[in-house]
Amino acid sequence: MKVAFIAASCLLMMFLGWFSLPYLLQPFSGDCRSETLIIYDEPERTVISHGYWDIMRGSREGHLNAYLAFISPQGDERKVNVDRTVNLDYTYHIDSLTASTKKSFRIAGPDTQDPLVGKYIDPLADEKFSARIYLFKLGNQLISGFHYRPLNRCMKPTF
């Protein structure tokens, strides 16, 4: 009886630890700088969205500093800077997390509702955006992305 109780207690602690681990580790995790590069190839132009996300330790706040490069078929290039602070919310799952944008504050650059430019700004910088994000381990690095598609690499901040 005593052995069964100890075994059941161990299994319960392991089970509870699995679900509580993200909440315990988040405040102690380091800052993360992630680089994103999205290329839109359209008939009348090519748009390159190149951004850096900074996620602060133990925080639910992110900062996006990016530029959009609009390149015409003739090679003319026009750049637009984008600067946002975003309040995020996380819901943890066994194999992933759901990141949702609660509030987005425009510091500089166009608004996400701008019909000509807004659709090229990183979707996470738009309010009410939600996506399930999977975490992948590559060596000693953490990569996040969509199911079977790693996209962003968490790098050490360069301050």
N, C-alpha and C. Protein backbone atom coordinates (compact mmCIF):
# COMPACT_ATOMS: atom_id res chain seq x y z
N MET A 1 0.82 -1.19 0.00
CA MET A 1 0.00 0.00 0.00
C MET A 1 0.87 1.26 0.00
N LYS A 2 1.91 1.22 0.85
CA LYS A 2 2.81 2.37 0.94
C LYS A 2 3.55 2.60 -0.38
N VAL A 3 3.99 1.53 -1.04
CA VAL A 3 4.71 1.63 -2.32
C VAL A 3 3.77 2.19 -3.40
N ALA A 4 2.53 1.74 -3.41
CA ALA A 4 1.56 2.24 -4.39
C ALA A 4 1.30 3.73 -4.17
N PHE A 5 1.23 4.15 -2.91
CA PHE A 5 1.01 5.57 -2.60
C PHE A 5 2.19 6.41 -3.06
N ILE A 6 3.40 5.94 -2.81
CA ILE A 6 4.60 6.67 -3.24
C ILE A 6 4.67 6.74 -4.76
N ALA A 7 4.39 5.63 -5.44
CA ALA A 7 4.41 5.61 -6.90
C ALA A 7 3.36 6.56 -7.47
N ALA A 8 2.16 6.55 -6.90
CA ALA A 8 1.10 7.45 -7.35
C ALA A 8 1.47 8.90 -7.10
N SER A 9 2.09 9.18 -5.95
CA SER A 9 2.54 10.55 -5.63
C SER A 9 3.60 11.02 -6.62
N CYS A 10 4.54 10.14 -6.95
CA CYS A 10 5.60 10.49 -7.92
C CYS A 10 5.00 10.79 -9.30
N LEU A 11 4.08 9.93 -9.73
CA LEU A 11 3.44 10.15 -11.03
C LEU A 11 2.64 11.46 -11.03
N LEU A 12 1.95 11.75 -9.95
CA LEU A 12 1.18 12.99 -9.85
C LEU A 12 2.10 14.20 -9.89
N MET A 13 3.23 14.15 -9.16
CA MET A 13 4.18 15.26 -9.17
C MET A 13 4.79 15.46 -10.55
N MET A 14 5.12 14.36 -11.24
CA MET A 14 5.66 14.48 -12.60
C MET A 14 4.63 15.10 -13.53
N PHE A 15 3.39 14.66 -13.43
CA PHE A 15 2.31 15.17 -14.27
C PHE A 15 2.08 16.66 -14.01
N LEU A 16 2.01 17.05 -12.74
CA LEU A 16 1.81 18.46 -12.39
C LEU A 16 3.04 19.29 -12.78
N GLY A 17 4.22 18.71 -12.63
CA GLY A 17 5.44 19.42 -13.01
C GLY A 17 5.50 19.71 -14.50
N TRP A 18 5.02 18.79 -15.30
CA TRP A 18 5.02 18.97 -16.76
C TRP A 18 4.17 20.17 -17.15
N PHE A 19 3.02 20.33 -16.51
CA PHE A 19 2.13 21.43 -16.86
C PHE A 19 2.52 22.74 -16.19
N SER A 20 3.18 22.68 -15.06
CA SER A 20 3.55 23.91 -14.36
C SER A 20 4.94 24.41 -14.74
N LEU A 21 5.74 23.58 -15.39
CA LEU A 21 7.10 23.96 -15.74
C LEU A 21 7.20 25.25 -16.55
N PRO A 22 6.38 25.47 -17.60
CA PRO A 22 6.50 26.73 -18.33
C PRO A 22 6.26 27.96 -17.46
N TYR A 23 5.33 27.87 -16.53
CA TYR A 23 5.04 29.00 -15.65
C TYR A 23 6.17 29.26 -14.66
N LEU A 24 6.88 28.20 -14.28
CA LEU A 24 8.00 28.36 -13.36
C LEU A 24 9.25 28.87 -14.07
N LEU A 25 9.46 28.46 -15.32
CA LEU A 25 10.68 28.83 -16.04
C LEU A 25 10.61 30.20 -16.69
N GLN A 26 9.42 30.67 -17.06
CA GLN A 26 9.30 31.92 -17.81
C GLN A 26 9.95 33.12 -17.13
N PRO A 27 9.73 33.35 -15.81
CA PRO A 27 10.37 34.52 -15.20
C PRO A 27 11.89 34.46 -15.19
N PHE A 28 12.45 33.25 -15.29
CA PHE A 28 13.90 33.09 -15.22
C PHE A 28 14.54 32.92 -16.59
N SER A 29 13.74 32.87 -17.64
CA SER A 29 14.32 32.71 -18.97
C SER A 29 14.96 34.03 -19.40
N GLY A 30 15.95 33.95 -20.25
CA GLY A 30 16.66 35.14 -20.68
C GLY A 30 15.91 35.94 -21.71
N ASP A 31 16.41 37.14 -21.98
CA ASP A 31 15.85 37.96 -23.04
C ASP A 31 16.08 37.25 -24.37
N CYS A 32 15.21 37.49 -25.31
CA CYS A 32 15.34 36.83 -26.60
C CYS A 32 15.26 37.86 -27.71
N ARG A 33 16.21 37.81 -28.61
CA ARG A 33 16.15 38.63 -29.82
C ARG A 33 16.00 37.67 -30.98
N SER A 34 14.95 37.89 -31.75
CA SER A 34 14.64 37.02 -32.87
C SER A 34 14.61 37.86 -34.14
N GLU A 35 15.18 37.34 -35.20
CA GLU A 35 15.21 38.03 -36.48
C GLU A 35 14.21 37.38 -37.42
N THR A 36 13.40 38.21 -38.09
CA THR A 36 12.44 37.69 -39.05
C THR A 36 12.72 38.28 -40.42
N LEU A 37 12.52 37.50 -41.44
CA LEU A 37 12.69 37.94 -42.82
C LEU A 37 11.58 37.31 -43.64
N ILE A 38 10.67 38.15 -44.12
CA ILE A 38 9.54 37.69 -44.92
C ILE A 38 9.63 38.37 -46.28
N ILE A 39 9.57 37.58 -47.35
CA ILE A 39 9.66 38.12 -48.71
C ILE A 39 8.35 37.87 -49.43
N TYR A 40 7.75 38.94 -49.93
CA TYR A 40 6.52 38.86 -50.72
C TYR A 40 6.89 39.17 -52.17
N ASP A 41 6.72 38.21 -53.05
CA ASP A 41 7.04 38.41 -54.46
C ASP A 41 5.73 38.61 -55.22
N GLU A 42 5.47 39.84 -55.61
CA GLU A 42 4.23 40.19 -56.29
C GLU A 42 4.56 40.64 -57.71
N PRO A 43 3.58 40.61 -58.62
CA PRO A 43 3.86 40.99 -60.01
C PRO A 43 4.38 42.42 -60.17
N GLU A 44 3.84 43.37 -59.39
CA GLU A 44 4.22 44.77 -59.57
C GLU A 44 5.36 45.21 -58.67
N ARG A 45 5.74 44.37 -57.70
CA ARG A 45 6.84 44.72 -56.80
C ARG A 45 7.22 43.53 -55.93
N THR A 46 8.39 43.63 -55.33
CA THR A 46 8.84 42.68 -54.31
C THR A 46 8.93 43.44 -53.00
N VAL A 47 8.41 42.85 -51.94
CA VAL A 47 8.44 43.50 -50.63
C VAL A 47 9.23 42.60 -49.68
N ILE A 48 10.22 43.19 -49.03
CA ILE A 48 11.02 42.48 -48.05
C ILE A 48 10.74 43.10 -46.68
N SER A 49 10.24 42.28 -45.77
CA SER A 49 9.99 42.70 -44.40
C SER A 49 11.07 42.10 -43.52
N HIS A 50 11.96 42.94 -43.01
CA HIS A 50 13.09 42.47 -42.22
C HIS A 50 12.98 43.09 -40.84
N GLY A 51 12.78 42.25 -39.82
CA GLY A 51 12.55 42.79 -38.49
C GLY A 51 13.31 42.07 -37.40
N TYR A 52 13.39 42.74 -36.26
CA TYR A 52 13.98 42.19 -35.05
C TYR A 52 12.96 42.30 -33.93
N TRP A 53 12.69 41.17 -33.29
CA TRP A 53 11.81 41.12 -32.13
C TRP A 53 12.66 41.00 -30.88
N ASP A 54 12.37 41.81 -29.88
CA ASP A 54 13.00 41.69 -28.57
C ASP A 54 11.91 41.34 -27.57
N ILE A 55 12.05 40.18 -26.94
CA ILE A 55 11.11 39.74 -25.91
C ILE A 55 11.87 39.80 -24.59
N MET A 56 11.36 40.58 -23.65
CA MET A 56 12.06 40.80 -22.40
C MET A 56 11.81 39.66 -21.40
N ARG A 57 12.78 39.41 -20.57
CA ARG A 57 12.75 38.32 -19.59
C ARG A 57 11.55 38.44 -18.65
N GLY A 58 10.81 37.35 -18.52
CA GLY A 58 9.69 37.30 -17.59
C GLY A 58 8.57 38.26 -17.93
N SER A 59 8.60 38.80 -19.12
CA SER A 59 7.63 39.82 -19.51
C SER A 59 6.68 39.28 -20.56
N ARG A 60 5.59 39.90 -20.69
CA ARG A 60 4.65 39.59 -21.77
C ARG A 60 4.62 40.76 -22.74
N GLU A 61 5.80 41.34 -22.94
CA GLU A 61 5.91 42.49 -23.83
C GLU A 61 6.98 42.21 -24.87
N GLY A 62 6.71 42.60 -26.10
CA GLY A 62 7.68 42.46 -27.17
C GLY A 62 7.86 43.79 -27.88
N HIS A 63 8.99 43.94 -28.51
CA HIS A 63 9.28 45.16 -29.27
C HIS A 63 9.73 44.75 -30.66
N LEU A 64 9.09 45.31 -31.67
CA LEU A 64 9.43 45.05 -33.07
C LEU A 64 10.09 46.27 -33.66
N ASN A 65 11.27 46.09 -34.20
CA ASN A 65 11.96 47.14 -34.95
C ASN A 65 12.24 46.53 -36.32
N ALA A 66 11.61 47.09 -37.35
CA ALA A 66 11.71 46.48 -38.68
C ALA A 66 11.73 47.55 -39.76
N TYR A 67 12.07 47.10 -40.94
CA TYR A 67 11.91 47.96 -42.11
C TYR A 67 11.28 47.14 -43.23
N LEU A 68 10.51 47.83 -44.04
CA LEU A 68 9.91 47.24 -45.22
C LEU A 68 10.61 47.85 -46.43
N ALA A 69 11.10 47.02 -47.32
CA ALA A 69 11.74 47.48 -48.55
C ALA A 69 10.82 47.13 -49.72
N PHE A 70 10.39 48.14 -50.45
CA PHE A 70 9.54 47.95 -51.62
C PHE A 70 10.42 48.12 -52.85
N ILE A 71 10.55 47.06 -53.64
CA ILE A 71 11.45 47.07 -54.80
C ILE A 71 10.61 46.90 -56.06
N SER A 72 10.70 47.87 -56.95
CA SER A 72 9.95 47.81 -58.21
C SER A 72 10.66 46.89 -59.19
N PRO A 73 9.98 46.46 -60.28
CA PRO A 73 10.65 45.62 -61.29
C PRO A 73 11.87 46.31 -61.93
N GLN A 74 11.90 47.64 -61.90
CA GLN A 74 13.04 48.37 -62.46
C GLN A 74 14.21 48.46 -61.47
N GLY A 75 14.01 48.01 -60.24
CA GLY A 75 15.08 48.02 -59.25
C GLY A 75 15.04 49.20 -58.29
N ASP A 76 14.06 50.11 -58.44
CA ASP A 76 13.94 51.23 -57.51
C ASP A 76 13.50 50.70 -56.15
N GLU A 77 14.11 51.22 -55.09
CA GLU A 77 13.81 50.73 -53.75
C GLU A 77 13.35 51.87 -52.85
N ARG A 78 12.29 51.59 -52.09
CA ARG A 78 11.79 52.55 -51.11
C ARG A 78 11.67 51.80 -49.79
N LYS A 79 12.18 52.42 -48.69
CA LYS A 79 12.15 51.77 -47.38
C LYS A 79 11.22 52.51 -46.43
N VAL A 80 10.55 51.73 -45.59
CA VAL A 80 9.67 52.27 -44.56
C VAL A 80 10.05 51.60 -43.25
N ASN A 81 10.28 52.40 -42.21
CA ASN A 81 10.61 51.86 -40.90
C ASN A 81 9.35 51.58 -40.10
N VAL A 82 9.39 50.53 -39.30
CA VAL A 82 8.28 50.12 -38.45
C VAL A 82 8.81 49.93 -37.04
N ASP A 83 8.13 50.52 -36.06
CA ASP A 83 8.54 50.39 -34.67
C ASP A 83 7.28 50.20 -33.83
N ARG A 84 7.18 49.07 -33.13
CA ARG A 84 5.99 48.72 -32.35
C ARG A 84 6.38 48.14 -31.00
N THR A 85 5.54 48.38 -30.01
CA THR A 85 5.60 47.67 -28.74
C THR A 85 4.31 46.89 -28.64
N VAL A 86 4.42 45.62 -28.27
CA VAL A 86 3.28 44.71 -28.31
C VAL A 86 3.12 44.02 -26.96
N ASN A 87 1.89 44.02 -26.44
CA ASN A 87 1.58 43.25 -25.23
C ASN A 87 1.06 41.90 -25.66
N LEU A 88 1.72 40.84 -25.18
CA LEU A 88 1.40 39.48 -25.60
C LEU A 88 0.77 38.68 -24.46
N ASP A 89 0.06 37.65 -24.83
CA ASP A 89 -0.51 36.72 -23.87
C ASP A 89 -0.15 35.32 -24.36
N TYR A 90 0.22 34.44 -23.43
CA TYR A 90 0.62 33.08 -23.79
C TYR A 90 -0.31 32.07 -23.12
N THR A 91 -0.68 31.04 -23.86
CA THR A 91 -1.38 29.89 -23.31
C THR A 91 -0.52 28.68 -23.64
N TYR A 92 -0.10 27.96 -22.62
CA TYR A 92 0.81 26.83 -22.82
C TYR A 92 0.05 25.55 -23.09
N HIS A 93 0.59 24.73 -24.00
CA HIS A 93 0.07 23.40 -24.30
C HIS A 93 1.22 22.42 -24.08
N ILE A 94 0.95 21.14 -24.18
CA ILE A 94 1.99 20.15 -23.96
C ILE A 94 3.13 20.31 -24.96
N ASP A 95 2.83 20.54 -26.22
CA ASP A 95 3.85 20.59 -27.27
C ASP A 95 4.07 21.96 -27.87
N SER A 96 3.36 22.98 -27.39
CA SER A 96 3.44 24.30 -28.03
C SER A 96 2.88 25.36 -27.09
N LEU A 97 2.77 26.56 -27.61
CA LEU A 97 2.10 27.64 -26.90
C LEU A 97 1.32 28.46 -27.90
N THR A 98 0.26 29.08 -27.43
CA THR A 98 -0.51 29.98 -28.29
C THR A 98 -0.16 31.39 -27.87
N ALA A 99 0.38 32.17 -28.81
CA ALA A 99 0.73 33.56 -28.57
C ALA A 99 -0.37 34.44 -29.16
N SER A 100 -0.87 35.36 -28.36
CA SER A 100 -1.92 36.26 -28.81
C SER A 100 -1.49 37.69 -28.51
N THR A 101 -1.79 38.59 -29.44
CA THR A 101 -1.48 40.00 -29.26
C THR A 101 -2.68 40.67 -28.61
N LYS A 102 -2.48 41.14 -27.38
CA LYS A 102 -3.57 41.82 -26.68
C LYS A 102 -3.65 43.29 -27.10
N LYS A 103 -2.51 43.95 -27.18
CA LYS A 103 -2.47 45.37 -27.51
C LYS A 103 -1.20 45.66 -28.28
N SER A 104 -1.30 46.54 -29.26
CA SER A 104 -0.14 46.93 -30.05
C SER A 104 -0.06 48.45 -30.06
N PHE A 105 1.11 48.97 -29.74
CA PHE A 105 1.31 50.42 -29.69
C PHE A 105 2.27 50.83 -30.81
N ARG A 106 1.82 51.70 -31.67
CA ARG A 106 2.62 52.18 -32.79
C ARG A 106 3.54 53.29 -32.29
N ILE A 107 4.83 53.09 -32.43
CA ILE A 107 5.80 54.12 -32.06
C ILE A 107 6.18 54.92 -33.30
N ALA A 108 6.48 54.22 -34.39
CA ALA A 108 6.84 54.88 -35.64
C ALA A 108 6.43 53.98 -36.80
N GLY A 109 6.27 54.59 -37.95
CA GLY A 109 5.93 53.83 -39.15
C GLY A 109 4.44 53.83 -39.42
N PRO A 110 4.05 53.16 -40.48
CA PRO A 110 2.64 53.16 -40.88
C PRO A 110 1.78 52.34 -39.92
N ASP A 111 0.50 52.54 -40.00
CA ASP A 111 -0.46 51.78 -39.22
C ASP A 111 -0.69 50.43 -39.89
N THR A 112 -1.02 49.41 -39.12
CA THR A 112 -1.26 48.10 -39.71
C THR A 112 -2.52 48.08 -40.57
N GLN A 113 -3.38 49.07 -40.39
CA GLN A 113 -4.61 49.15 -41.20
C GLN A 113 -4.38 49.88 -42.53
N ASP A 114 -3.19 50.40 -42.76
CA ASP A 114 -2.86 51.08 -44.01
C ASP A 114 -2.99 50.07 -45.16
N PRO A 115 -3.87 50.33 -46.15
CA PRO A 115 -4.10 49.32 -47.20
C PRO A 115 -2.90 49.05 -48.10
N LEU A 116 -1.97 50.00 -48.24
CA LEU A 116 -0.82 49.80 -49.12
C LEU A 116 0.36 49.14 -48.43
N VAL A 117 0.53 49.40 -47.14
CA VAL A 117 1.72 48.96 -46.43
C VAL A 117 1.41 48.01 -45.27
N GLY A 118 0.28 48.18 -44.62
CA GLY A 118 -0.05 47.48 -43.38
C GLY A 118 0.01 45.97 -43.45
N LYS A 119 -0.35 45.39 -44.58
CA LYS A 119 -0.36 43.92 -44.67
C LYS A 119 1.03 43.30 -44.67
N TYR A 120 2.07 44.11 -44.83
CA TYR A 120 3.44 43.59 -44.85
C TYR A 120 4.12 43.66 -43.49
N ILE A 121 3.50 44.33 -42.51
CA ILE A 121 4.05 44.40 -41.17
C ILE A 121 3.83 43.04 -40.51
N ASP A 122 4.78 42.59 -39.74
CA ASP A 122 4.71 41.28 -39.08
C ASP A 122 3.34 41.10 -38.43
N PRO A 123 2.64 40.01 -38.72
CA PRO A 123 1.28 39.83 -38.20
C PRO A 123 1.18 39.84 -36.68
N LEU A 124 2.23 39.43 -35.98
CA LEU A 124 2.21 39.44 -34.52
C LEU A 124 2.11 40.85 -33.96
N ALA A 125 2.46 41.86 -34.75
CA ALA A 125 2.39 43.25 -34.31
C ALA A 125 0.99 43.84 -34.46
N ASP A 126 0.05 43.06 -34.97
CA ASP A 126 -1.32 43.53 -35.15
C ASP A 126 -2.19 43.01 -34.01
N GLU A 127 -3.05 43.88 -33.49
CA GLU A 127 -3.92 43.48 -32.38
C GLU A 127 -4.83 42.34 -32.78
N LYS A 128 -5.13 41.52 -31.80
CA LYS A 128 -6.03 40.36 -31.93
C LYS A 128 -5.46 39.26 -32.83
N PHE A 129 -4.14 39.28 -33.08
CA PHE A 129 -3.51 38.19 -33.81
C PHE A 129 -3.28 37.04 -32.83
N SER A 130 -3.48 35.83 -33.27
CA SER A 130 -3.26 34.67 -32.42
C SER A 130 -2.73 33.54 -33.29
N ALA A 131 -1.73 32.83 -32.78
CA ALA A 131 -1.17 31.71 -33.53
C ALA A 131 -0.60 30.69 -32.55
N ARG A 132 -0.69 29.44 -32.94
CA ARG A 132 -0.08 28.37 -32.15
C ARG A 132 1.36 28.23 -32.60
N ILE A 133 2.28 28.34 -31.67
CA ILE A 133 3.71 28.35 -31.98
C ILE A 133 4.35 27.13 -31.33
N TYR A 134 5.12 26.41 -32.13
CA TYR A 134 5.83 25.23 -31.65
C TYR A 134 7.28 25.60 -31.40
N LEU A 135 7.89 24.96 -30.41
CA LEU A 135 9.27 25.22 -30.06
C LEU A 135 10.12 24.03 -30.47
N PHE A 136 11.24 24.32 -31.14
CA PHE A 136 12.16 23.29 -31.62
C PHE A 136 13.52 23.53 -30.99
N LYS A 137 14.23 22.49 -30.70
CA LYS A 137 15.58 22.62 -30.15
C LYS A 137 16.56 22.18 -31.22
N LEU A 138 17.52 23.04 -31.51
CA LEU A 138 18.56 22.75 -32.48
C LEU A 138 19.89 23.00 -31.80
N GLY A 139 20.53 21.93 -31.36
CA GLY A 139 21.77 22.08 -30.59
C GLY A 139 21.44 22.76 -29.27
N ASN A 140 22.07 23.92 -29.01
CA ASN A 140 21.77 24.66 -27.79
C ASN A 140 20.90 25.88 -28.08
N GLN A 141 20.30 25.94 -29.27
CA GLN A 141 19.45 27.07 -29.63
C GLN A 141 17.98 26.67 -29.63
N LEU A 142 17.13 27.66 -29.39
CA LEU A 142 15.69 27.45 -29.41
C LEU A 142 15.13 28.11 -30.66
N ILE A 143 14.36 27.36 -31.42
CA ILE A 143 13.76 27.87 -32.65
C ILE A 143 12.25 27.73 -32.50
N SER A 144 11.53 28.76 -32.90
CA SER A 144 10.07 28.70 -32.84
C SER A 144 9.51 28.77 -34.24
N GLY A 145 8.29 28.32 -34.39
CA GLY A 145 7.65 28.36 -35.70
C GLY A 145 6.33 27.64 -35.68
N PHE A 146 5.84 27.31 -36.84
CA PHE A 146 4.57 26.63 -36.97
C PHE A 146 4.82 25.12 -37.05
N HIS A 147 3.77 24.35 -37.06
CA HIS A 147 3.88 22.90 -37.01
C HIS A 147 4.78 22.38 -38.13
N TYR A 148 5.86 21.73 -37.78
CA TYR A 148 6.86 21.18 -38.71
C TYR A 148 7.57 22.25 -39.55
N ARG A 149 7.45 23.53 -39.18
CA ARG A 149 8.11 24.60 -39.93
C ARG A 149 8.80 25.58 -38.98
N PRO A 150 10.01 25.29 -38.54
CA PRO A 150 10.72 26.25 -37.69
C PRO A 150 11.03 27.52 -38.48
N LEU A 151 10.84 28.68 -37.84
CA LEU A 151 11.03 29.94 -38.55
C LEU A 151 12.00 30.89 -37.84
N ASN A 152 11.82 31.11 -36.55
CA ASN A 152 12.57 32.15 -35.84
C ASN A 152 13.56 31.53 -34.87
N ARG A 153 14.76 32.09 -34.86
CA ARG A 153 15.81 31.62 -33.96
C ARG A 153 15.99 32.65 -32.87
N CYS A 154 15.96 32.19 -31.63
CA CYS A 154 16.18 33.07 -30.48
C CYS A 154 17.68 33.27 -30.33
N MET A 155 18.11 34.52 -30.49
CA MET A 155 19.53 34.84 -30.37
C MET A 155 19.76 35.62 -29.09
N LYS A 156 20.98 35.66 -28.66
CA LYS A 156 21.32 36.47 -27.47
C LYS A 156 21.25 37.94 -27.85
N PRO A 157 20.68 38.78 -26.99
CA PRO A 157 20.59 40.20 -27.32
C PRO A 157 21.97 40.84 -27.45
N THR A 158 22.06 41.81 -28.32
CA THR A 158 23.33 42.51 -28.53
C THR A 158 23.21 43.92 -27.98
N PHE A 159 23.45 44.08 -26.69
CA PHE A 159 23.38 45.41 -26.06
C PHE A 159 24.75 45.90 -25.73
